[in-house]
Amino acid sequence: MIRNLDITTLRSFVAVADNGGVTRAAGFLHLTQSAVSMQLKRLEELLGLSLLDRSGRGIALTPAGEQMLAYARRMVALNDEVMGRLTDQAFEGEVVFGVPHDVVYPVVPRVLKQFNASFPRVNVNLVTSNTRQLKEEFQRGAYDLILTTETGSGEGGETIHDMPLRWVGAPGGSTWRQQPLRLGFCRSCIFRSVATRALDDAGIQWEIAVDSESDRTVDATVSADLAVSVLLEGTQPAYQELIDHNGTLPTLPVQQINIYGADKVRAPYVADLAELLRQGFGALRPTQLRTAV
């Protein structure tokens, strides 16, 4: 009796293999974990083979699973090629894209405009958050692509641009001359620990003047010359300025703009979006950021 393989189950199998587990695969496929697990079980029962080794902490492929993965990739790719070429469903879908607040402008709007011109039927769901939260949710499969601002690059990350961190304060402000140095940061800001570590290493006393979950609260406090903060050079708003401290404050490290998810895309157009982001940030100069923000 002829038995037929189902493309949906093969797609789930490939997603689990590529993403290292059911949880992230379910997120990328926009399915529940139980649905993905059921599809894997159905595929194994159809073939009469164990494709996944579940004996360890993670999920690994069995020898039969490794062989099956090569076939599954080819079959899924051929299915998508047929649907793309012979139907009007080509390049239709959604990309969930996460970006930190401070690097949205000016590159991301330009990139999204270019992407929409090439893929008008693909919806881009843009979410802005902080790097820490974006990475946590990316690991759970909530995003197709994310950008991050980090001192280094984590596993799976690709650095696409470097930007220096700078001390910022109110225009003409004097708070930066005082000790202990009064700081304003959101609790989740990844630059907070970078700044306090640099101050500790330089032997400069500091205190938290504003500790809030609200970016607007921090902005207002810094703009009122009640605290100083740290931003990527060029992203400071018009109501704040880079502090010309002549070495009084410690030099801060360069931050890397990283992209995650470009190495394991679930749709061809996600790779195109990643390439547009590389090009956009690759052409960026600090002066462009200042005039655009």
C-alpha atoms as a PDB file:
ATOM      1  CA  MET A   1       0.000   0.000   0.000  1.00  0.00           C
ATOM      2  CA  ILE A   2       1.323   3.442  -0.946  1.00  0.00           C
ATOM      3  CA  ARG A   3       1.836   5.769   2.002  1.00  0.00           C
ATOM      4  CA  ASN A   4       2.029   9.536   1.480  1.00  0.00           C
ATOM      5  CA  LEU A   5       4.121  12.003   3.424  1.00  0.00           C
ATOM      6  CA  ASP A   6       2.393  15.173   4.586  1.00  0.00           C
ATOM      7  CA  ILE A   7       4.189  18.483   3.926  1.00  0.00           C
ATOM      8  CA  THR A   8       2.864  19.987   7.162  1.00  0.00           C
ATOM      9  CA  THR A   9       4.447  17.256   9.272  1.00  0.00           C
ATOM     10  CA  LEU A  10       7.689  17.528   7.304  1.00  0.00           C
ATOM     11  CA  ARG A  11       7.742  21.303   7.869  1.00  0.00           C
ATOM     12  CA  SER A  12       7.344  20.787  11.608  1.00  0.00           C
ATOM     13  CA  PHE A  13      10.130  18.204  11.625  1.00  0.00           C
ATOM     14  CA  VAL A  14      12.493  20.600   9.807  1.00  0.00           C
ATOM     15  CA  ALA A  15      11.569  23.432  12.185  1.00  0.00           C
ATOM     16  CA  VAL A  16      12.301  21.308  15.261  1.00  0.00           C
ATOM     17  CA  ALA A  17      15.650  20.216  13.819  1.00  0.00           C
ATOM     18  CA  ASP A  18      16.613  23.779  12.882  1.00  0.00           C
ATOM     19  CA  ASN A  19      15.523  25.377  16.136  1.00  0.00           C
ATOM     20  CA  GLY A  20      16.714  22.718  18.559  1.00  0.00           C
ATOM     21  CA  GLY A  21      13.386  21.893  20.127  1.00  0.00           C
ATOM     22  CA  VAL A  22       9.607  21.924  19.987  1.00  0.00           C
ATOM     23  CA  THR A  23       9.116  25.211  21.886  1.00  0.00           C
ATOM     24  CA  ARG A  24      10.930  27.488  19.450  1.00  0.00           C
ATOM     25  CA  ALA A  25       9.688  25.513  16.451  1.00  0.00           C
ATOM     26  CA  ALA A  26       6.110  26.043  17.609  1.00  0.00           C
ATOM     27  CA  GLY A  27       6.731  29.777  17.875  1.00  0.00           C
ATOM     28  CA  PHE A  28       8.187  30.037  14.378  1.00  0.00           C
ATOM     29  CA  LEU A  29       5.368  27.946  12.909  1.00  0.00           C
ATOM     30  CA  HIS A  30       2.685  29.818  14.887  1.00  0.00           C
ATOM     31  CA  LEU A  31       1.395  26.516  16.260  1.00  0.00           C
ATOM     32  CA  THR A  32       0.989  25.135  19.758  1.00  0.00           C
ATOM     33  CA  GLN A  33       3.681  22.877  21.183  1.00  0.00           C
ATOM     34  CA  SER A  34       1.198  20.026  21.412  1.00  0.00           C
ATOM     35  CA  ALA A  35       0.327  20.392  17.710  1.00  0.00           C
ATOM     36  CA  VAL A  36       3.998  20.197  16.699  1.00  0.00           C
ATOM     37  CA  SER A  37       4.600  17.213  18.991  1.00  0.00           C
ATOM     38  CA  MET A  38       1.587  15.443  17.510  1.00  0.00           C
ATOM     39  CA  GLN A  39       2.855  16.012  13.958  1.00  0.00           C
ATOM     40  CA  LEU A  40       6.267  14.598  14.867  1.00  0.00           C
ATOM     41  CA  LYS A  41       4.640  11.545  16.395  1.00  0.00           C
ATOM     42  CA  ARG A  42       2.479  11.079  13.290  1.00  0.00           C
ATOM     43  CA  LEU A  43       5.540  11.242  11.025  1.00  0.00           C
ATOM     44  CA  GLU A  44       7.455   8.704  13.117  1.00  0.00           C
ATOM     45  CA  GLU A  45       4.472   6.342  13.167  1.00  0.00           C
ATOM     46  CA  LEU A  46       4.045   6.633   9.384  1.00  0.00           C
ATOM     47  CA  LEU A  47       7.703   5.772   8.770  1.00  0.00           C
ATOM     48  CA  GLY A  48       7.984   3.259  11.592  1.00  0.00           C
ATOM     49  CA  LEU A  49      11.191   5.016  12.692  1.00  0.00           C
ATOM     50  CA  SER A  50      12.416   7.066  15.624  1.00  0.00           C
ATOM     51  CA  LEU A  51      13.589  10.356  14.164  1.00  0.00           C
ATOM     52  CA  LEU A  52      14.382  12.167  17.416  1.00  0.00           C
ATOM     53  CA  ASP A  53      16.523  11.089  20.348  1.00  0.00           C
ATOM     54  CA  ARG A  54      14.674  12.332  23.424  1.00  0.00           C
ATOM     55  CA  SER A  55      16.889  10.631  26.020  1.00  0.00           C
ATOM     56  CA  GLY A  56      19.001  13.717  26.805  1.00  0.00           C
ATOM     57  CA  ARG A  57      18.110  17.195  28.065  1.00  0.00           C
ATOM     58  CA  GLY A  58      17.576  18.488  24.543  1.00  0.00           C
ATOM     59  CA  ILE A  59      16.325  16.959  21.343  1.00  0.00           C
ATOM     60  CA  ALA A  60      18.810  15.364  18.935  1.00  0.00           C
ATOM     61  CA  LEU A  61      18.343  13.611  15.644  1.00  0.00           C
ATOM     62  CA  THR A  62      18.776   9.869  15.387  1.00  0.00           C
ATOM     63  CA  PRO A  63      20.750   8.511  12.401  1.00  0.00           C
ATOM     64  CA  ALA A  64      17.426   7.906  10.656  1.00  0.00           C
ATOM     65  CA  GLY A  65      16.363  11.446  11.568  1.00  0.00           C
ATOM     66  CA  GLU A  66      19.490  12.944  10.009  1.00  0.00           C
ATOM     67  CA  GLN A  67      18.815  11.053   6.801  1.00  0.00           C
ATOM     68  CA  MET A  68      15.156  12.048   6.844  1.00  0.00           C
ATOM     69  CA  LEU A  69      16.018  15.722   7.410  1.00  0.00           C
ATOM     70  CA  ALA A  70      17.767  15.979   4.045  1.00  0.00           C
ATOM     71  CA  TYR A  71      14.711  14.562   2.266  1.00  0.00           C
ATOM     72  CA  ALA A  72      12.326  16.730   4.277  1.00  0.00           C
ATOM     73  CA  ARG A  73      14.194  19.926   3.383  1.00  0.00           C
ATOM     74  CA  ARG A  74      14.038  19.113  -0.315  1.00  0.00           C
ATOM     75  CA  MET A  75      10.339  18.234  -0.216  1.00  0.00           C
ATOM     76  CA  VAL A  76       9.352  21.362   1.725  1.00  0.00           C
ATOM     77  CA  ALA A  77      11.450  23.559  -0.560  1.00  0.00           C
ATOM     78  CA  LEU A  78       9.919  21.979  -3.673  1.00  0.00           C
ATOM     79  CA  ASN A  79       6.410  22.432  -2.270  1.00  0.00           C
ATOM     80  CA  ASP A  80       7.075  26.116  -1.583  1.00  0.00           C
ATOM     81  CA  GLU A  81       8.596  26.619  -5.024  1.00  0.00           C
ATOM     82  CA  VAL A  82       5.536  25.123  -6.724  1.00  0.00           C
ATOM     83  CA  MET A  83       3.146  27.232  -4.653  1.00  0.00           C
ATOM     84  CA  GLY A  84       5.192  30.346  -5.283  1.00  0.00           C
ATOM     85  CA  ARG A  85       5.529  29.933  -9.038  1.00  0.00           C
ATOM     86  CA  LEU A  86       2.164  28.488  -9.996  1.00  0.00           C
ATOM     87  CA  THR A  87      -0.254  30.259  -7.665  1.00  0.00           C
ATOM     88  CA  ASP A  88      -0.918  33.835  -6.585  1.00  0.00           C
ATOM     89  CA  GLN A  89       0.208  33.030  -3.022  1.00  0.00           C
ATOM     90  CA  ALA A  90       3.832  33.929  -3.712  1.00  0.00           C
ATOM     91  CA  PHE A  91       5.435  35.990  -0.955  1.00  0.00           C
ATOM     92  CA  GLU A  92       2.354  36.208   1.212  1.00  0.00           C
ATOM     93  CA  GLY A  93       2.763  35.958   4.956  1.00  0.00           C
ATOM     94  CA  GLU A  94       4.018  37.723   8.054  1.00  0.00           C
ATOM     95  CA  VAL A  95       7.364  38.614   9.647  1.00  0.00           C
ATOM     96  CA  VAL A  96       7.506  39.303  13.381  1.00  0.00           C
ATOM     97  CA  PHE A  97      10.425  41.696  13.834  1.00  0.00           C
ATOM     98  CA  GLY A  98      11.743  43.008  17.161  1.00  0.00           C
ATOM     99  CA  VAL A  99      13.941  46.106  17.562  1.00  0.00           C
ATOM    100  CA  PRO A 100      15.302  47.995  20.606  1.00  0.00           C
ATOM    101  CA  HIS A 101      13.758  51.450  21.052  1.00  0.00           C
ATOM    102  CA  ASP A 102      17.043  53.305  20.567  1.00  0.00           C
ATOM    103  CA  VAL A 103      17.973  51.937  17.119  1.00  0.00           C
ATOM    104  CA  VAL A 104      14.625  52.183  15.340  1.00  0.00           C
ATOM    105  CA  TYR A 105      15.563  55.428  13.571  1.00  0.00           C
ATOM    106  CA  PRO A 106      16.623  56.103  10.898  1.00  0.00           C
ATOM    107  CA  VAL A 107      17.400  52.701   9.389  1.00  0.00           C
ATOM    108  CA  VAL A 108      14.366  50.577  10.239  1.00  0.00           C
ATOM    109  CA  PRO A 109      11.676  52.790   8.615  1.00  0.00           C
ATOM    110  CA  ARG A 110      13.753  53.005   5.429  1.00  0.00           C
ATOM    111  CA  VAL A 111      14.233  49.243   5.367  1.00  0.00           C
ATOM    112  CA  LEU A 112      10.545  48.533   5.938  1.00  0.00           C
ATOM    113  CA  LYS A 113       9.631  50.875   3.082  1.00  0.00           C
ATOM    114  CA  GLN A 114      12.030  49.036   0.748  1.00  0.00           C
ATOM    115  CA  PHE A 115      10.775  45.654   1.926  1.00  0.00           C
ATOM    116  CA  ASN A 116       7.129  46.588   1.397  1.00  0.00           C
ATOM    117  CA  ALA A 117       7.881  47.677  -2.163  1.00  0.00           C
ATOM    118  CA  SER A 118       9.302  44.221  -2.936  1.00  0.00           C
ATOM    119  CA  PHE A 119       6.867  42.163  -0.851  1.00  0.00           C
ATOM    120  CA  PRO A 120       3.596  44.143  -0.618  1.00  0.00           C
ATOM    121  CA  ARG A 121       1.631  41.113   0.562  1.00  0.00           C
ATOM    122  CA  VAL A 122       3.910  40.303   3.470  1.00  0.00           C
ATOM    123  CA  ASN A 123       2.863  41.941   6.732  1.00  0.00           C
ATOM    124  CA  VAL A 124       5.704  43.087   9.005  1.00  0.00           C
ATOM    125  CA  ASN A 125       4.716  43.095  12.660  1.00  0.00           C
ATOM    126  CA  LEU A 126       7.252  45.499  14.208  1.00  0.00           C
ATOM    127  CA  VAL A 127       7.704  45.298  17.984  1.00  0.00           C
ATOM    128  CA  THR A 128       9.948  47.659  19.969  1.00  0.00           C
ATOM    129  CA  SER A 129      11.317  46.568  23.328  1.00  0.00           C
ATOM    130  CA  ASN A 130      14.632  46.279  25.189  1.00  0.00           C
ATOM    131  CA  THR A 131      17.414  43.904  24.169  1.00  0.00           C
ATOM    132  CA  ARG A 132      17.065  41.635  27.185  1.00  0.00           C
ATOM    133  CA  GLN A 133      13.355  41.040  26.656  1.00  0.00           C
ATOM    134  CA  LEU A 134      13.740  40.666  22.896  1.00  0.00           C
ATOM    135  CA  LYS A 135      16.345  37.926  23.337  1.00  0.00           C
ATOM    136  CA  GLU A 136      14.257  36.083  25.921  1.00  0.00           C
ATOM    137  CA  GLU A 137      11.163  36.121  23.710  1.00  0.00           C
ATOM    138  CA  PHE A 138      13.195  35.224  20.617  1.00  0.00           C
ATOM    139  CA  GLN A 139      14.388  32.081  22.390  1.00  0.00           C
ATOM    140  CA  ARG A 140      10.729  31.157  22.921  1.00  0.00           C
ATOM    141  CA  GLY A 141      10.034  31.584  19.202  1.00  0.00           C
ATOM    142  CA  ALA A 142       8.071  34.828  19.415  1.00  0.00           C
ATOM    143  CA  TYR A 143      10.076  36.557  16.662  1.00  0.00           C
ATOM    144  CA  ASP A 144      11.407  35.734  13.214  1.00  0.00           C
ATOM    145  CA  LEU A 145      14.139  38.383  13.437  1.00  0.00           C
ATOM    146  CA  ILE A 146      15.408  40.674  16.173  1.00  0.00           C
ATOM    147  CA  LEU A 147      18.013  43.391  16.419  1.00  0.00           C
ATOM    148  CA  THR A 148      19.929  43.888  19.666  1.00  0.00           C
ATOM    149  CA  THR A 149      22.414  46.350  21.149  1.00  0.00           C
ATOM    150  CA  GLU A 150      25.137  44.470  23.024  1.00  0.00           C
ATOM    151  CA  THR A 151      28.770  44.786  24.062  1.00  0.00           C
ATOM    152  CA  GLY A 152      29.399  41.464  22.318  1.00  0.00           C
ATOM    153  CA  SER A 153      27.457  38.984  20.242  1.00  0.00           C
ATOM    154  CA  GLY A 154      25.570  36.032  21.702  1.00  0.00           C
ATOM    155  CA  GLU A 155      25.195  32.581  20.202  1.00  0.00           C
ATOM    156  CA  GLY A 156      23.578  32.829  16.799  1.00  0.00           C
ATOM    157  CA  GLY A 157      24.061  36.595  16.615  1.00  0.00           C
ATOM    158  CA  GLU A 158      25.556  38.411  13.621  1.00  0.00           C
ATOM    159  CA  THR A 159      27.104  41.857  14.126  1.00  0.00           C
ATOM    160  CA  ILE A 160      25.992  44.298  11.414  1.00  0.00           C
ATOM    161  CA  HIS A 161      27.137  47.649  12.872  1.00  0.00           C
ATOM    162  CA  ASP A 162      29.196  49.201  15.696  1.00  0.00           C
ATOM    163  CA  MET A 163      28.136  52.311  17.645  1.00  0.00           C
ATOM    164  CA  PRO A 164      29.902  54.067  20.563  1.00  0.00           C
ATOM    165  CA  LEU A 165      28.160  54.626  23.881  1.00  0.00           C
ATOM    166  CA  ARG A 166      28.269  58.181  25.207  1.00  0.00           C
ATOM    167  CA  TRP A 167      27.275  60.020  28.371  1.00  0.00           C
ATOM    168  CA  VAL A 168      24.286  62.318  27.826  1.00  0.00           C
ATOM    169  CA  GLY A 169      22.703  65.077  29.897  1.00  0.00           C
ATOM    170  CA  ALA A 170      20.677  68.266  29.720  1.00  0.00           C
ATOM    171  CA  PRO A 171      21.924  70.961  27.303  1.00  0.00           C
ATOM    172  CA  GLY A 172      24.382  73.099  29.265  1.00  0.00           C
ATOM    173  CA  GLY A 173      23.794  70.936  32.341  1.00  0.00           C
ATOM    174  CA  SER A 174      26.125  70.600  35.323  1.00  0.00           C
ATOM    175  CA  THR A 175      24.895  67.444  37.069  1.00  0.00           C
ATOM    176  CA  TRP A 176      27.727  65.454  35.506  1.00  0.00           C
ATOM    177  CA  ARG A 177      30.236  67.501  37.541  1.00  0.00           C
ATOM    178  CA  GLN A 178      28.729  66.431  40.881  1.00  0.00           C
ATOM    179  CA  GLN A 179      29.600  63.438  43.036  1.00  0.00           C
ATOM    180  CA  PRO A 180      28.117  61.061  43.674  1.00  0.00           C
ATOM    181  CA  LEU A 181      27.121  61.077  40.016  1.00  0.00           C
ATOM    182  CA  ARG A 182      23.349  60.923  39.669  1.00  0.00           C
ATOM    183  CA  LEU A 183      22.188  58.374  37.071  1.00  0.00           C
ATOM    184  CA  GLY A 184      18.888  57.909  35.271  1.00  0.00           C
ATOM    185  CA  PHE A 185      18.077  54.523  33.712  1.00  0.00           C
ATOM    186  CA  CYS A 186      15.150  52.258  33.066  1.00  0.00           C
ATOM    187  CA  ARG A 187      15.350  49.091  35.149  1.00  0.00           C
ATOM    188  CA  SER A 188      15.564  46.927  32.043  1.00  0.00           C
ATOM    189  CA  CYS A 189      18.138  49.094  30.204  1.00  0.00           C
ATOM    190  CA  ILE A 190      21.091  46.969  29.115  1.00  0.00           C
ATOM    191  CA  PHE A 191      23.370  50.056  29.246  1.00  0.00           C
ATOM    192  CA  ARG A 192      22.796  50.479  32.977  1.00  0.00           C
ATOM    193  CA  SER A 193      25.237  47.791  34.070  1.00  0.00           C
ATOM    194  CA  VAL A 194      27.761  48.934  31.441  1.00  0.00           C
ATOM    195  CA  ALA A 195      27.747  52.472  32.848  1.00  0.00           C
ATOM    196  CA  THR A 196      27.886  51.522  36.530  1.00  0.00           C
ATOM    197  CA  ARG A 197      30.702  49.025  35.887  1.00  0.00           C
ATOM    198  CA  ALA A 198      32.727  51.717  34.122  1.00  0.00           C
ATOM    199  CA  LEU A 199      32.159  54.140  37.012  1.00  0.00           C
ATOM    200  CA  ASP A 200      33.166  51.504  39.570  1.00  0.00           C
ATOM    201  CA  ASP A 201      36.333  50.713  37.616  1.00  0.00           C
ATOM    202  CA  ALA A 202      37.178  54.434  37.543  1.00  0.00           C
ATOM    203  CA  GLY A 203      36.518  54.829  41.285  1.00  0.00           C
ATOM    204  CA  ILE A 204      33.685  57.314  40.730  1.00  0.00           C
ATOM    205  CA  GLN A 205      30.836  57.267  43.226  1.00  0.00           C
ATOM    206  CA  TRP A 206      27.330  57.150  41.814  1.00  0.00           C
ATOM    207  CA  GLU A 207      23.683  56.853  42.831  1.00  0.00           C
ATOM    208  CA  ILE A 208      20.467  56.116  40.998  1.00  0.00           C
ATOM    209  CA  ALA A 209      18.430  59.307  40.748  1.00  0.00           C
ATOM    210  CA  VAL A 210      15.566  57.764  38.801  1.00  0.00           C
ATOM    211  CA  ASP A 211      14.741  54.079  38.619  1.00  0.00           C
ATOM    212  CA  SER A 212      11.711  53.586  36.407  1.00  0.00           C
ATOM    213  CA  GLU A 213      10.150  51.301  33.808  1.00  0.00           C
ATOM    214  CA  SER A 214       9.245  54.396  31.756  1.00  0.00           C
ATOM    215  CA  ASP A 215      11.615  55.814  29.124  1.00  0.00           C
ATOM    216  CA  ARG A 216       9.696  59.095  29.269  1.00  0.00           C
ATOM    217  CA  THR A 217      10.307  59.421  33.006  1.00  0.00           C
ATOM    218  CA  VAL A 218      14.043  58.904  32.540  1.00  0.00           C
ATOM    219  CA  ASP A 219      14.118  61.323  29.597  1.00  0.00           C
ATOM    220  CA  ALA A 220      12.350  64.030  31.609  1.00  0.00           C
ATOM    221  CA  THR A 221      14.701  63.616  34.582  1.00  0.00           C
ATOM    222  CA  VAL A 222      17.848  63.770  32.446  1.00  0.00           C
ATOM    223  CA  SER A 223      16.508  66.716  30.416  1.00  0.00           C
ATOM    224  CA  ALA A 224      15.827  68.598  33.675  1.00  0.00           C
ATOM    225  CA  ASP A 225      19.528  68.218  34.614  1.00  0.00           C
ATOM    226  CA  LEU A 226      18.625  65.997  37.576  1.00  0.00           C
ATOM    227  CA  ALA A 227      20.608  63.021  36.282  1.00  0.00           C
ATOM    228  CA  VAL A 228      22.824  61.828  33.433  1.00  0.00           C
ATOM    229  CA  SER A 229      22.401  58.720  31.350  1.00  0.00           C
ATOM    230  CA  VAL A 230      24.011  56.742  28.534  1.00  0.00           C
ATOM    231  CA  LEU A 231      22.902  56.435  24.904  1.00  0.00           C
ATOM    232  CA  LEU A 232      24.333  55.297  21.624  1.00  0.00           C
ATOM    233  CA  GLU A 233      26.073  58.211  19.953  1.00  0.00           C
ATOM    234  CA  GLY A 234      23.714  59.886  17.537  1.00  0.00           C
ATOM    235  CA  THR A 235      20.507  58.634  19.138  1.00  0.00           C
ATOM    236  CA  GLN A 236      20.246  61.419  21.740  1.00  0.00           C
ATOM    237  CA  PRO A 237      17.041  63.485  21.368  1.00  0.00           C
ATOM    238  CA  ALA A 238      17.109  67.218  20.632  1.00  0.00           C
ATOM    239  CA  TYR A 239      16.455  68.031  24.302  1.00  0.00           C
ATOM    240  CA  GLN A 240      19.636  66.244  25.455  1.00  0.00           C
ATOM    241  CA  GLU A 241      23.280  66.493  24.417  1.00  0.00           C
ATOM    242  CA  LEU A 242      26.490  64.511  24.539  1.00  0.00           C
ATOM    243  CA  ILE A 243      28.503  65.508  27.609  1.00  0.00           C
ATOM    244  CA  ASP A 244      31.887  67.024  26.769  1.00  0.00           C
ATOM    245  CA  HIS A 245      33.534  65.908  30.011  1.00  0.00           C
ATOM    246  CA  ASN A 246      37.195  65.996  28.893  1.00  0.00           C
ATOM    247  CA  GLY A 247      37.960  62.662  30.508  1.00  0.00           C
ATOM    248  CA  THR A 248      36.206  63.368  33.813  1.00  0.00           C
ATOM    249  CA  LEU A 249      33.852  60.471  33.141  1.00  0.00           C
ATOM    250  CA  PRO A 250      35.067  57.062  31.977  1.00  0.00           C
ATOM    251  CA  THR A 251      35.103  56.094  28.324  1.00  0.00           C
ATOM    252  CA  LEU A 252      32.325  53.661  27.501  1.00  0.00           C
ATOM    253  CA  PRO A 253      32.641  50.615  25.232  1.00  0.00           C
ATOM    254  CA  VAL A 254      31.462  50.418  21.660  1.00  0.00           C
ATOM    255  CA  GLN A 255      28.170  48.592  21.304  1.00  0.00           C
ATOM    256  CA  GLN A 256      27.397  46.125  18.551  1.00  0.00           C
ATOM    257  CA  ILE A 257      24.143  46.067  16.610  1.00  0.00           C
ATOM    258  CA  ASN A 258      23.412  42.365  16.205  1.00  0.00           C
ATOM    259  CA  ILE A 259      20.798  40.488  14.221  1.00  0.00           C
ATOM    260  CA  TYR A 260      19.378  37.150  15.369  1.00  0.00           C
ATOM    261  CA  GLY A 261      17.308  34.741  13.295  1.00  0.00           C
ATOM    262  CA  ALA A 262      18.834  35.445   9.887  1.00  0.00           C
ATOM    263  CA  ASP A 263      20.574  32.074   9.865  1.00  0.00           C
ATOM    264  CA  LYS A 264      17.366  30.058  10.314  1.00  0.00           C
ATOM    265  CA  VAL A 265      14.550  31.701   8.393  1.00  0.00           C
ATOM    266  CA  ARG A 266      11.192  29.980   7.915  1.00  0.00           C
ATOM    267  CA  ALA A 267      10.338  31.918   4.729  1.00  0.00           C
ATOM    268  CA  PRO A 268      12.553  33.232   1.900  1.00  0.00           C
ATOM    269  CA  TYR A 269      11.397  36.829   2.334  1.00  0.00           C
ATOM    270  CA  VAL A 270      12.730  36.885   5.918  1.00  0.00           C
ATOM    271  CA  ALA A 271      16.220  36.444   4.477  1.00  0.00           C
ATOM    272  CA  ASP A 272      15.552  39.415   2.170  1.00  0.00           C
ATOM    273  CA  LEU A 273      14.543  41.562   5.152  1.00  0.00           C
ATOM    274  CA  ALA A 274      17.743  40.553   6.961  1.00  0.00           C
ATOM    275  CA  GLU A 275      19.838  41.547   3.949  1.00  0.00           C
ATOM    276  CA  LEU A 276      18.151  44.955   3.738  1.00  0.00           C
ATOM    277  CA  LEU A 277      18.977  45.496   7.417  1.00  0.00           C
ATOM    278  CA  ARG A 278      22.630  44.603   6.811  1.00  0.00           C
ATOM    279  CA  GLN A 279      22.792  47.085   3.957  1.00  0.00           C
ATOM    280  CA  GLY A 280      20.968  49.798   5.887  1.00  0.00           C
ATOM    281  CA  PHE A 281      23.171  49.661   8.966  1.00  0.00           C
ATOM    282  CA  GLY A 282      26.288  49.067   6.881  1.00  0.00           C
ATOM    283  CA  ALA A 283      25.763  52.417   5.154  1.00  0.00           C
ATOM    284  CA  LEU A 284      25.079  54.265   8.408  1.00  0.00           C
ATOM    285  CA  ARG A 285      27.260  57.092   9.678  1.00  0.00           C
ATOM    286  CA  PRO A 286      26.910  58.735  13.150  1.00  0.00           C
ATOM    287  CA  THR A 287      26.036  62.093  11.570  1.00  0.00           C
ATOM    288  CA  GLN A 288      23.125  60.471   9.762  1.00  0.00           C
ATOM    289  CA  LEU A 289      21.734  59.331  13.071  1.00  0.00           C
ATOM    290  CA  ARG A 290      21.967  62.782  14.655  1.00  0.00           C
ATOM    291  CA  THR A 291      20.102  64.527  11.877  1.00  0.00           C
ATOM    292  CA  ALA A 292      17.419  61.864  11.669  1.00  0.00           C
ATOM    293  CA  VAL A 293      16.485  61.580  15.333  1.00  0.00           C
END
